[in-house]
N, C-alpha and C. Protein backbone atom coordinates (compact mmCIF):
# COMPACT_ATOMS: atom_id res chain seq x y z
N MET A 1 67.62 130.13 83.70
CA MET A 1 68.10 130.99 84.77
C MET A 1 69.31 131.78 84.12
N GLU A 2 69.14 133.12 84.33
CA GLU A 2 70.27 133.94 83.92
C GLU A 2 71.22 134.35 85.07
N ILE A 3 72.44 134.21 84.85
CA ILE A 3 73.46 134.47 85.93
C ILE A 3 74.34 135.53 85.41
N THR A 4 74.61 136.55 86.25
CA THR A 4 75.54 137.64 85.90
C THR A 4 76.76 137.51 86.72
N ILE A 5 77.90 137.42 86.13
CA ILE A 5 79.15 137.34 86.74
C ILE A 5 79.52 138.80 87.19
N LYS A 6 79.76 139.04 88.53
CA LYS A 6 80.13 140.31 89.03
C LYS A 6 81.65 140.46 89.18
N GLU A 7 82.24 139.37 89.59
CA GLU A 7 83.73 139.39 89.73
C GLU A 7 84.29 137.99 89.66
N SER A 8 85.42 137.91 89.05
CA SER A 8 86.18 136.63 88.92
C SER A 8 87.62 136.87 89.38
N ALA A 9 88.08 136.10 90.36
CA ALA A 9 89.44 136.34 90.89
C ALA A 9 90.09 135.15 91.17
N ILE A 10 91.39 135.11 91.16
CA ILE A 10 92.26 134.01 91.72
C ILE A 10 92.67 134.34 93.18
N VAL A 11 92.33 133.45 94.01
CA VAL A 11 92.71 133.61 95.46
C VAL A 11 93.90 132.67 95.75
N ARG A 12 94.87 133.33 96.11
CA ARG A 12 96.24 132.70 96.46
C ARG A 12 96.42 132.46 97.97
N PRO A 13 97.30 131.64 98.35
CA PRO A 13 97.56 131.36 99.78
C PRO A 13 98.03 132.68 100.42
N ALA A 14 97.62 132.86 101.70
CA ALA A 14 97.96 134.07 102.42
C ALA A 14 99.49 134.19 102.74
N GLU A 15 100.24 133.08 102.70
CA GLU A 15 101.63 133.09 102.97
C GLU A 15 102.31 132.18 101.97
N ASP A 16 103.65 132.29 101.86
CA ASP A 16 104.37 131.41 101.02
C ASP A 16 104.13 129.88 101.41
N THR A 17 104.01 129.14 100.40
CA THR A 17 103.86 127.68 100.73
C THR A 17 104.98 126.86 100.04
N PRO A 18 105.14 125.64 100.44
CA PRO A 18 106.23 124.76 99.91
C PRO A 18 106.03 124.67 98.38
N LYS A 19 107.17 124.69 97.70
CA LYS A 19 107.16 124.53 96.23
C LYS A 19 107.68 123.11 96.03
N ARG A 20 106.82 122.23 95.73
CA ARG A 20 107.23 120.79 95.44
C ARG A 20 106.11 120.10 94.63
N SER A 21 106.40 118.90 94.24
CA SER A 21 105.44 118.08 93.37
C SER A 21 104.99 116.93 94.23
N LEU A 22 103.80 116.55 94.08
CA LEU A 22 103.16 115.37 94.72
C LEU A 22 102.62 114.42 93.72
N TRP A 23 103.10 113.15 93.80
CA TRP A 23 102.62 112.15 92.94
C TRP A 23 101.10 111.89 93.19
N ASN A 24 100.35 111.52 92.20
CA ASN A 24 99.01 111.06 92.34
C ASN A 24 99.04 109.51 92.54
N SER A 25 97.98 109.00 93.15
CA SER A 25 97.83 107.59 93.29
C SER A 25 97.66 106.91 91.93
N ASN A 26 97.92 105.63 91.86
CA ASN A 26 97.76 104.94 90.63
C ASN A 26 96.28 104.95 90.08
N LEU A 27 95.33 105.01 91.08
CA LEU A 27 93.95 105.14 90.68
C LEU A 27 93.65 106.53 90.13
N ASP A 28 94.21 107.61 90.74
CA ASP A 28 93.98 108.91 90.17
C ASP A 28 94.48 109.08 88.78
N ILE A 29 95.65 108.41 88.49
CA ILE A 29 96.29 108.55 87.15
C ILE A 29 95.30 108.11 86.06
N VAL A 30 94.49 107.05 86.32
CA VAL A 30 93.54 106.52 85.29
C VAL A 30 92.19 107.20 85.32
N MET A 31 91.88 107.98 86.34
CA MET A 31 90.60 108.57 86.46
C MET A 31 90.49 109.83 85.53
N THR A 32 89.30 110.20 85.33
CA THR A 32 88.99 111.39 84.49
C THR A 32 89.59 112.66 85.09
N ARG A 33 90.00 113.57 84.24
CA ARG A 33 90.67 114.83 84.70
C ARG A 33 89.72 115.96 84.62
N TYR A 34 88.48 115.75 85.17
CA TYR A 34 87.59 116.89 85.21
C TYR A 34 87.14 117.19 86.60
N HIS A 35 86.53 118.34 86.78
CA HIS A 35 86.12 118.81 88.11
C HIS A 35 84.79 118.13 88.49
N ILE A 36 84.66 117.78 89.64
CA ILE A 36 83.42 117.10 90.14
C ILE A 36 82.60 118.25 90.81
N PRO A 37 81.37 118.54 90.30
CA PRO A 37 80.68 119.68 90.74
C PRO A 37 79.82 119.26 92.02
N THR A 38 79.77 120.24 92.94
CA THR A 38 78.84 120.11 94.04
C THR A 38 78.22 121.53 94.32
N VAL A 39 76.97 121.49 94.77
CA VAL A 39 76.28 122.75 94.99
C VAL A 39 75.70 122.75 96.40
N TYR A 40 75.88 123.83 97.09
CA TYR A 40 75.36 123.96 98.44
C TYR A 40 74.53 125.24 98.57
N TYR A 41 73.32 125.11 99.09
CA TYR A 41 72.38 126.23 99.21
C TYR A 41 72.24 126.72 100.62
N TYR A 42 72.09 128.04 100.77
CA TYR A 42 72.01 128.66 102.14
C TYR A 42 70.91 129.66 102.12
N LYS A 43 69.94 129.42 103.04
CA LYS A 43 68.90 130.43 103.10
C LYS A 43 69.31 131.63 103.94
N PRO A 44 68.87 132.84 103.63
CA PRO A 44 69.28 134.02 104.37
C PRO A 44 68.96 133.88 105.81
N ASN A 45 69.84 134.40 106.74
CA ASN A 45 69.62 134.28 108.12
C ASN A 45 69.31 135.61 108.76
N GLY A 46 69.07 136.66 107.97
CA GLY A 46 68.72 137.95 108.51
C GLY A 46 69.88 138.81 108.87
N SER A 47 71.11 138.31 108.93
CA SER A 47 72.28 139.05 109.29
C SER A 47 72.73 139.90 108.17
N SER A 48 73.25 141.18 108.54
CA SER A 48 73.66 142.08 107.49
C SER A 48 74.89 141.57 106.80
N ASP A 49 75.70 140.72 107.46
CA ASP A 49 76.95 140.28 106.84
C ASP A 49 76.77 138.72 106.35
N PHE A 50 75.48 138.35 106.07
CA PHE A 50 75.26 136.95 105.62
C PHE A 50 76.07 136.69 104.40
N PHE A 51 76.89 135.65 104.48
CA PHE A 51 77.66 135.18 103.33
C PHE A 51 78.55 136.25 102.79
N ASP A 52 79.31 136.92 103.62
CA ASP A 52 80.25 137.95 103.24
C ASP A 52 81.35 137.37 102.36
N THR A 53 81.37 137.70 101.00
CA THR A 53 82.31 137.13 100.21
C THR A 53 83.71 137.58 100.45
N GLY A 54 83.87 138.79 101.00
CA GLY A 54 85.26 139.23 101.37
C GLY A 54 85.81 138.42 102.45
N ARG A 55 84.97 138.09 103.47
CA ARG A 55 85.42 137.27 104.57
C ARG A 55 85.72 135.83 104.03
N LEU A 56 84.87 135.37 103.15
CA LEU A 56 85.04 134.00 102.59
C LEU A 56 86.32 133.91 101.84
N LYS A 57 86.70 134.94 101.04
CA LYS A 57 88.01 134.91 100.27
C LYS A 57 89.12 134.98 101.20
N GLU A 58 89.05 135.74 102.23
CA GLU A 58 90.15 135.87 103.22
C GLU A 58 90.40 134.53 103.94
N ALA A 59 89.25 133.89 104.38
CA ALA A 59 89.40 132.60 105.02
C ALA A 59 89.94 131.57 104.04
N LEU A 60 89.54 131.66 102.71
CA LEU A 60 90.05 130.66 101.80
C LEU A 60 91.63 130.85 101.58
N SER A 61 92.01 132.13 101.51
CA SER A 61 93.42 132.36 101.38
C SER A 61 94.20 131.81 102.63
N LYS A 62 93.63 131.94 103.79
CA LYS A 62 94.37 131.39 104.95
C LYS A 62 94.39 129.83 104.93
N ILE A 63 93.30 129.18 104.56
CA ILE A 63 93.21 127.81 104.62
C ILE A 63 94.17 127.17 103.48
N LEU A 64 94.37 127.95 102.41
CA LEU A 64 95.28 127.46 101.42
C LEU A 64 96.76 127.35 101.83
N VAL A 65 97.04 127.83 103.03
CA VAL A 65 98.47 127.74 103.51
C VAL A 65 98.66 126.26 104.03
N PRO A 66 97.91 125.71 104.97
CA PRO A 66 98.18 124.34 105.28
C PRO A 66 97.75 123.39 104.32
N PHE A 67 96.75 123.69 103.51
CA PHE A 67 96.24 122.83 102.43
C PHE A 67 96.77 123.31 101.06
N TYR A 68 98.11 123.55 101.04
CA TYR A 68 98.73 124.24 99.83
C TYR A 68 98.62 123.46 98.53
N PRO A 69 98.47 122.08 98.51
CA PRO A 69 98.42 121.53 97.17
C PRO A 69 97.13 121.96 96.45
N ILE A 70 96.08 122.34 97.13
CA ILE A 70 94.86 122.83 96.53
C ILE A 70 95.13 124.01 95.61
N ALA A 71 96.07 124.81 96.01
CA ALA A 71 96.47 126.03 95.19
C ALA A 71 97.42 125.81 94.09
N GLY A 72 97.69 124.55 93.84
CA GLY A 72 98.61 124.15 92.74
C GLY A 72 97.94 123.87 91.46
N ARG A 73 98.62 123.21 90.56
CA ARG A 73 98.13 122.83 89.29
C ARG A 73 98.55 121.38 89.05
N LEU A 74 97.95 120.71 88.05
CA LEU A 74 98.37 119.43 87.62
C LEU A 74 99.52 119.59 86.57
N GLY A 75 100.30 118.57 86.58
CA GLY A 75 101.41 118.55 85.56
C GLY A 75 101.97 117.15 85.42
N TYR A 76 103.04 117.00 84.70
CA TYR A 76 103.70 115.70 84.50
C TYR A 76 105.14 115.81 84.88
N ASP A 77 105.65 114.71 85.57
CA ASP A 77 107.04 114.70 85.91
C ASP A 77 107.85 114.30 84.61
N GLU A 78 109.16 114.19 84.79
CA GLU A 78 110.04 113.87 83.67
C GLU A 78 109.76 112.57 83.01
N ASN A 79 109.10 111.68 83.73
CA ASN A 79 108.74 110.35 83.24
C ASN A 79 107.31 110.30 82.67
N GLY A 80 106.65 111.41 82.70
CA GLY A 80 105.25 111.45 82.19
C GLY A 80 104.19 111.09 83.17
N ARG A 81 104.54 110.93 84.44
CA ARG A 81 103.60 110.56 85.42
C ARG A 81 102.86 111.80 85.93
N LEU A 82 101.51 111.75 86.16
CA LEU A 82 100.73 112.79 86.61
C LEU A 82 101.08 113.12 87.96
N GLU A 83 101.13 114.48 88.27
CA GLU A 83 101.45 114.90 89.66
C GLU A 83 100.73 116.27 89.90
N ILE A 84 100.73 116.61 91.16
CA ILE A 84 100.28 117.94 91.51
C ILE A 84 101.44 118.86 91.79
N ILE A 85 101.54 119.93 91.10
CA ILE A 85 102.70 120.87 91.20
C ILE A 85 102.23 121.93 92.20
N CYS A 86 102.81 121.91 93.33
CA CYS A 86 102.47 122.88 94.41
C CYS A 86 103.22 124.12 94.13
N ASN A 87 102.49 125.10 93.54
CA ASN A 87 103.12 126.39 93.09
C ASN A 87 102.40 127.52 93.65
N GLY A 88 101.34 127.38 94.38
CA GLY A 88 100.69 128.58 95.00
C GLY A 88 99.91 129.46 94.01
N GLU A 89 99.63 129.00 92.86
CA GLU A 89 98.92 129.82 91.86
C GLU A 89 97.47 130.14 92.21
N GLY A 90 96.89 129.34 93.11
CA GLY A 90 95.54 129.75 93.71
C GLY A 90 94.41 129.00 93.06
N VAL A 91 93.22 129.38 93.59
CA VAL A 91 91.91 128.77 93.17
C VAL A 91 91.04 129.85 92.65
N LEU A 92 90.12 129.51 91.66
CA LEU A 92 89.23 130.47 91.14
C LEU A 92 88.01 130.77 92.02
N PHE A 93 87.74 132.04 92.22
CA PHE A 93 86.65 132.43 93.03
C PHE A 93 85.76 133.46 92.23
N VAL A 94 84.57 133.05 92.00
CA VAL A 94 83.59 133.84 91.16
C VAL A 94 82.50 134.35 92.03
N GLU A 95 82.17 135.62 91.84
CA GLU A 95 80.89 136.17 92.51
C GLU A 95 79.95 136.43 91.45
N ALA A 96 78.71 135.98 91.67
CA ALA A 96 77.65 136.12 90.66
C ALA A 96 76.35 136.46 91.38
N GLU A 97 75.39 136.79 90.48
CA GLU A 97 74.01 137.08 91.04
C GLU A 97 73.03 136.62 89.92
N THR A 98 71.75 136.39 90.39
CA THR A 98 70.67 136.02 89.54
C THR A 98 69.45 136.71 90.00
N THR A 99 68.55 136.91 89.12
CA THR A 99 67.15 137.40 89.45
C THR A 99 66.19 136.24 89.79
N SER A 100 66.70 135.07 89.68
CA SER A 100 65.92 133.88 90.02
C SER A 100 65.86 133.69 91.58
N VAL A 101 64.84 132.91 91.95
CA VAL A 101 64.75 132.59 93.42
C VAL A 101 65.23 131.22 93.65
N MET A 102 65.86 130.93 94.76
CA MET A 102 66.46 129.68 95.08
C MET A 102 65.39 128.54 95.17
N GLU A 103 64.25 128.81 95.57
CA GLU A 103 63.23 127.69 95.68
C GLU A 103 62.93 127.02 94.34
N HIS A 104 63.22 127.68 93.22
CA HIS A 104 62.94 127.02 91.95
C HIS A 104 63.96 125.94 91.70
N LEU A 105 65.04 125.96 92.35
CA LEU A 105 66.13 124.98 92.05
C LEU A 105 66.14 123.85 93.11
N ILE A 106 65.65 124.06 94.28
CA ILE A 106 65.77 123.10 95.31
C ILE A 106 64.82 121.96 95.07
N GLY A 107 65.28 120.80 95.16
CA GLY A 107 64.40 119.58 94.97
C GLY A 107 65.15 118.47 94.26
N ASP A 108 64.57 117.96 93.27
CA ASP A 108 65.17 116.78 92.52
C ASP A 108 66.04 117.44 91.40
N PHE A 109 67.35 117.24 91.58
CA PHE A 109 68.32 117.74 90.64
C PHE A 109 68.64 116.89 89.48
N THR A 110 67.97 115.65 89.33
CA THR A 110 68.35 114.79 88.33
C THR A 110 68.03 115.34 86.92
N GLU A 111 67.05 116.05 86.82
CA GLU A 111 66.66 116.62 85.46
C GLU A 111 66.90 118.20 85.42
N ASN A 112 67.58 118.76 86.38
CA ASN A 112 67.70 120.24 86.39
C ASN A 112 69.16 120.58 85.98
N HIS A 113 69.30 120.85 84.70
CA HIS A 113 70.63 121.20 84.16
C HIS A 113 71.02 122.63 84.55
N GLN A 114 70.06 123.46 85.02
CA GLN A 114 70.39 124.80 85.41
C GLN A 114 71.38 124.78 86.64
N VAL A 115 71.34 123.76 87.42
CA VAL A 115 72.21 123.66 88.59
C VAL A 115 73.68 123.81 88.14
N LEU A 116 74.00 123.26 87.03
CA LEU A 116 75.42 123.25 86.56
C LEU A 116 75.91 124.75 86.33
N SER A 117 75.01 125.63 86.07
CA SER A 117 75.47 126.98 85.77
C SER A 117 75.89 127.75 87.15
N LEU A 118 75.66 127.00 88.27
CA LEU A 118 76.04 127.53 89.56
C LEU A 118 77.45 127.18 89.95
N VAL A 119 78.13 126.43 89.06
CA VAL A 119 79.52 126.01 89.34
C VAL A 119 80.36 126.64 88.10
N PRO A 120 81.57 127.22 88.42
CA PRO A 120 82.26 127.90 87.33
C PRO A 120 82.60 126.81 86.24
N LYS A 121 82.56 127.29 85.01
CA LYS A 121 82.94 126.48 83.91
C LYS A 121 84.45 126.44 83.83
N VAL A 122 85.06 125.31 83.45
CA VAL A 122 86.56 125.15 83.39
C VAL A 122 86.84 125.00 82.01
N ASP A 123 87.86 125.79 81.41
CA ASP A 123 88.32 125.61 80.08
C ASP A 123 89.43 124.59 80.15
N TYR A 124 89.24 123.40 79.59
CA TYR A 124 90.21 122.34 79.59
C TYR A 124 91.07 122.32 78.33
N SER A 125 90.88 123.30 77.39
CA SER A 125 91.50 123.27 76.12
C SER A 125 92.99 123.66 76.19
N GLU A 126 93.40 124.33 77.19
CA GLU A 126 94.79 124.82 77.31
C GLU A 126 95.71 123.78 78.03
N GLY A 127 95.23 122.69 78.35
CA GLY A 127 96.07 121.62 79.01
C GLY A 127 95.99 121.62 80.54
N ILE A 128 96.44 120.56 81.11
CA ILE A 128 96.14 120.34 82.52
C ILE A 128 96.82 121.31 83.45
N SER A 129 97.89 121.98 83.03
CA SER A 129 98.61 122.93 83.91
C SER A 129 97.99 124.33 83.92
N SER A 130 96.94 124.51 83.09
CA SER A 130 96.40 125.87 82.97
C SER A 130 95.17 126.17 83.84
N TYR A 131 94.59 125.23 84.46
CA TYR A 131 93.40 125.48 85.28
C TYR A 131 93.57 125.22 86.78
N PRO A 132 92.81 125.96 87.63
CA PRO A 132 92.92 125.72 89.00
C PRO A 132 92.30 124.30 89.41
N LEU A 133 92.79 123.72 90.47
CA LEU A 133 92.31 122.47 90.88
C LEU A 133 90.92 122.53 91.67
N ILE A 134 90.64 123.70 92.15
CA ILE A 134 89.31 124.00 92.70
C ILE A 134 88.85 125.30 92.17
N VAL A 135 87.47 125.28 91.72
CA VAL A 135 86.85 126.48 91.39
C VAL A 135 85.54 126.66 92.21
N LEU A 136 85.31 127.89 92.56
CA LEU A 136 84.20 128.20 93.43
C LEU A 136 83.33 129.34 92.82
N GLN A 137 82.04 129.32 93.08
CA GLN A 137 81.19 130.36 92.65
C GLN A 137 80.17 130.64 93.73
N VAL A 138 80.08 131.88 94.16
CA VAL A 138 79.06 132.30 95.11
C VAL A 138 77.96 133.00 94.25
N THR A 139 76.79 132.52 94.24
CA THR A 139 75.70 133.21 93.50
C THR A 139 74.67 133.65 94.48
N LYS A 140 74.36 134.89 94.34
CA LYS A 140 73.28 135.50 95.30
C LYS A 140 72.01 135.56 94.48
N PHE A 141 70.96 135.07 95.15
CA PHE A 141 69.67 134.99 94.56
C PHE A 141 68.78 136.21 94.90
N LYS A 142 67.77 136.52 94.15
CA LYS A 142 66.86 137.57 94.36
C LYS A 142 66.19 137.49 95.72
N CYS A 143 65.92 136.25 96.18
CA CYS A 143 65.24 136.05 97.47
C CYS A 143 66.18 136.26 98.72
N GLY A 144 67.42 136.52 98.45
CA GLY A 144 68.42 136.65 99.57
C GLY A 144 69.26 135.39 99.83
N GLY A 145 68.86 134.37 99.25
CA GLY A 145 69.59 133.08 99.44
C GLY A 145 70.85 133.18 98.63
N VAL A 146 71.74 132.20 99.01
CA VAL A 146 73.05 132.15 98.36
C VAL A 146 73.38 130.73 98.04
N CYS A 147 74.04 130.48 96.88
CA CYS A 147 74.48 129.12 96.49
C CYS A 147 76.01 129.21 96.42
N LEU A 148 76.64 128.15 96.95
CA LEU A 148 78.10 127.98 96.78
C LEU A 148 78.27 126.87 95.85
N GLY A 149 78.74 127.05 94.66
CA GLY A 149 79.06 125.98 93.69
C GLY A 149 80.50 125.68 93.63
N VAL A 150 80.93 124.44 93.85
CA VAL A 150 82.31 124.04 93.88
C VAL A 150 82.60 122.96 92.90
N GLY A 151 83.67 123.17 92.14
CA GLY A 151 84.27 122.10 91.28
C GLY A 151 85.55 121.76 91.76
N ILE A 152 85.78 120.39 92.07
CA ILE A 152 86.95 119.85 92.64
C ILE A 152 87.54 118.94 91.69
N GLN A 153 88.79 119.13 91.25
CA GLN A 153 89.52 118.23 90.45
C GLN A 153 89.63 116.86 91.18
N HIS A 154 89.22 115.75 90.52
CA HIS A 154 89.19 114.51 91.19
C HIS A 154 90.52 114.08 91.77
N THR A 155 91.58 114.39 91.10
CA THR A 155 92.89 113.88 91.68
C THR A 155 93.27 114.52 92.95
N LEU A 156 92.53 115.49 93.39
CA LEU A 156 92.82 116.11 94.77
C LEU A 156 92.40 115.20 95.90
N GLY A 157 91.47 114.24 95.70
CA GLY A 157 91.02 113.47 96.78
C GLY A 157 91.94 112.88 97.69
N VAL A 158 92.93 112.14 97.25
CA VAL A 158 93.94 111.42 98.06
C VAL A 158 94.88 112.47 98.62
N CYS A 159 95.20 113.54 97.87
CA CYS A 159 96.09 114.52 98.30
C CYS A 159 95.47 115.24 99.55
N LEU A 160 94.19 115.55 99.48
CA LEU A 160 93.52 116.33 100.55
C LEU A 160 93.46 115.40 101.85
N ASP A 161 93.29 114.14 101.68
CA ASP A 161 93.32 113.24 102.76
C ASP A 161 94.72 113.29 103.44
N ALA A 162 95.79 113.22 102.66
CA ALA A 162 97.12 113.27 103.21
C ALA A 162 97.39 114.59 103.92
N CYS A 163 97.01 115.73 103.35
CA CYS A 163 97.22 117.01 103.95
C CYS A 163 96.45 117.03 105.37
N HIS A 164 95.21 116.54 105.33
CA HIS A 164 94.41 116.58 106.58
C HIS A 164 95.09 115.84 107.69
N CYS A 165 95.67 114.71 107.31
CA CYS A 165 96.38 113.86 108.33
C CYS A 165 97.59 114.50 108.83
N THR A 166 98.29 115.30 108.05
CA THR A 166 99.59 115.81 108.50
C THR A 166 99.38 117.06 109.33
N ILE A 167 98.23 117.74 109.31
CA ILE A 167 98.07 118.91 110.16
C ILE A 167 97.24 118.62 111.38
N HIS A 168 96.89 117.36 111.60
CA HIS A 168 96.12 117.03 112.80
C HIS A 168 96.89 116.15 113.69
């Protein structure tokens, strides 16, 4: 499956967010520091604004305000403990397209390595403070379907739970 990247952008919070650091749980400190990929498929619904990426980026920018740690980066405190640095640097948002049809990918994913091309690749060579904690890719298929590929840094799990509890 050949995928063409149309645009790659960093989406930042719509408003200023708190600048602080959040410790990770002891479990997160020993876990792998890679993004966990998930892929979501959407069949076209006939609407002219089906999966409007402009609207999606705007909504993402707004949700990054209350969930501001997502827009941060990993780092270490003065004692070398892993933490999330809430700095508002944003998340990666990639727009892509393919001439493939979605139906070729839906089914048993266990042996389908093409699915991984639907989630943005993260360059880990520059260190943990260099890459976004969440990466997203919207891929539009020839058939009109859309795939949303998401990579979430594992260490965000506990942090996201805490954010969710504080705004509800």
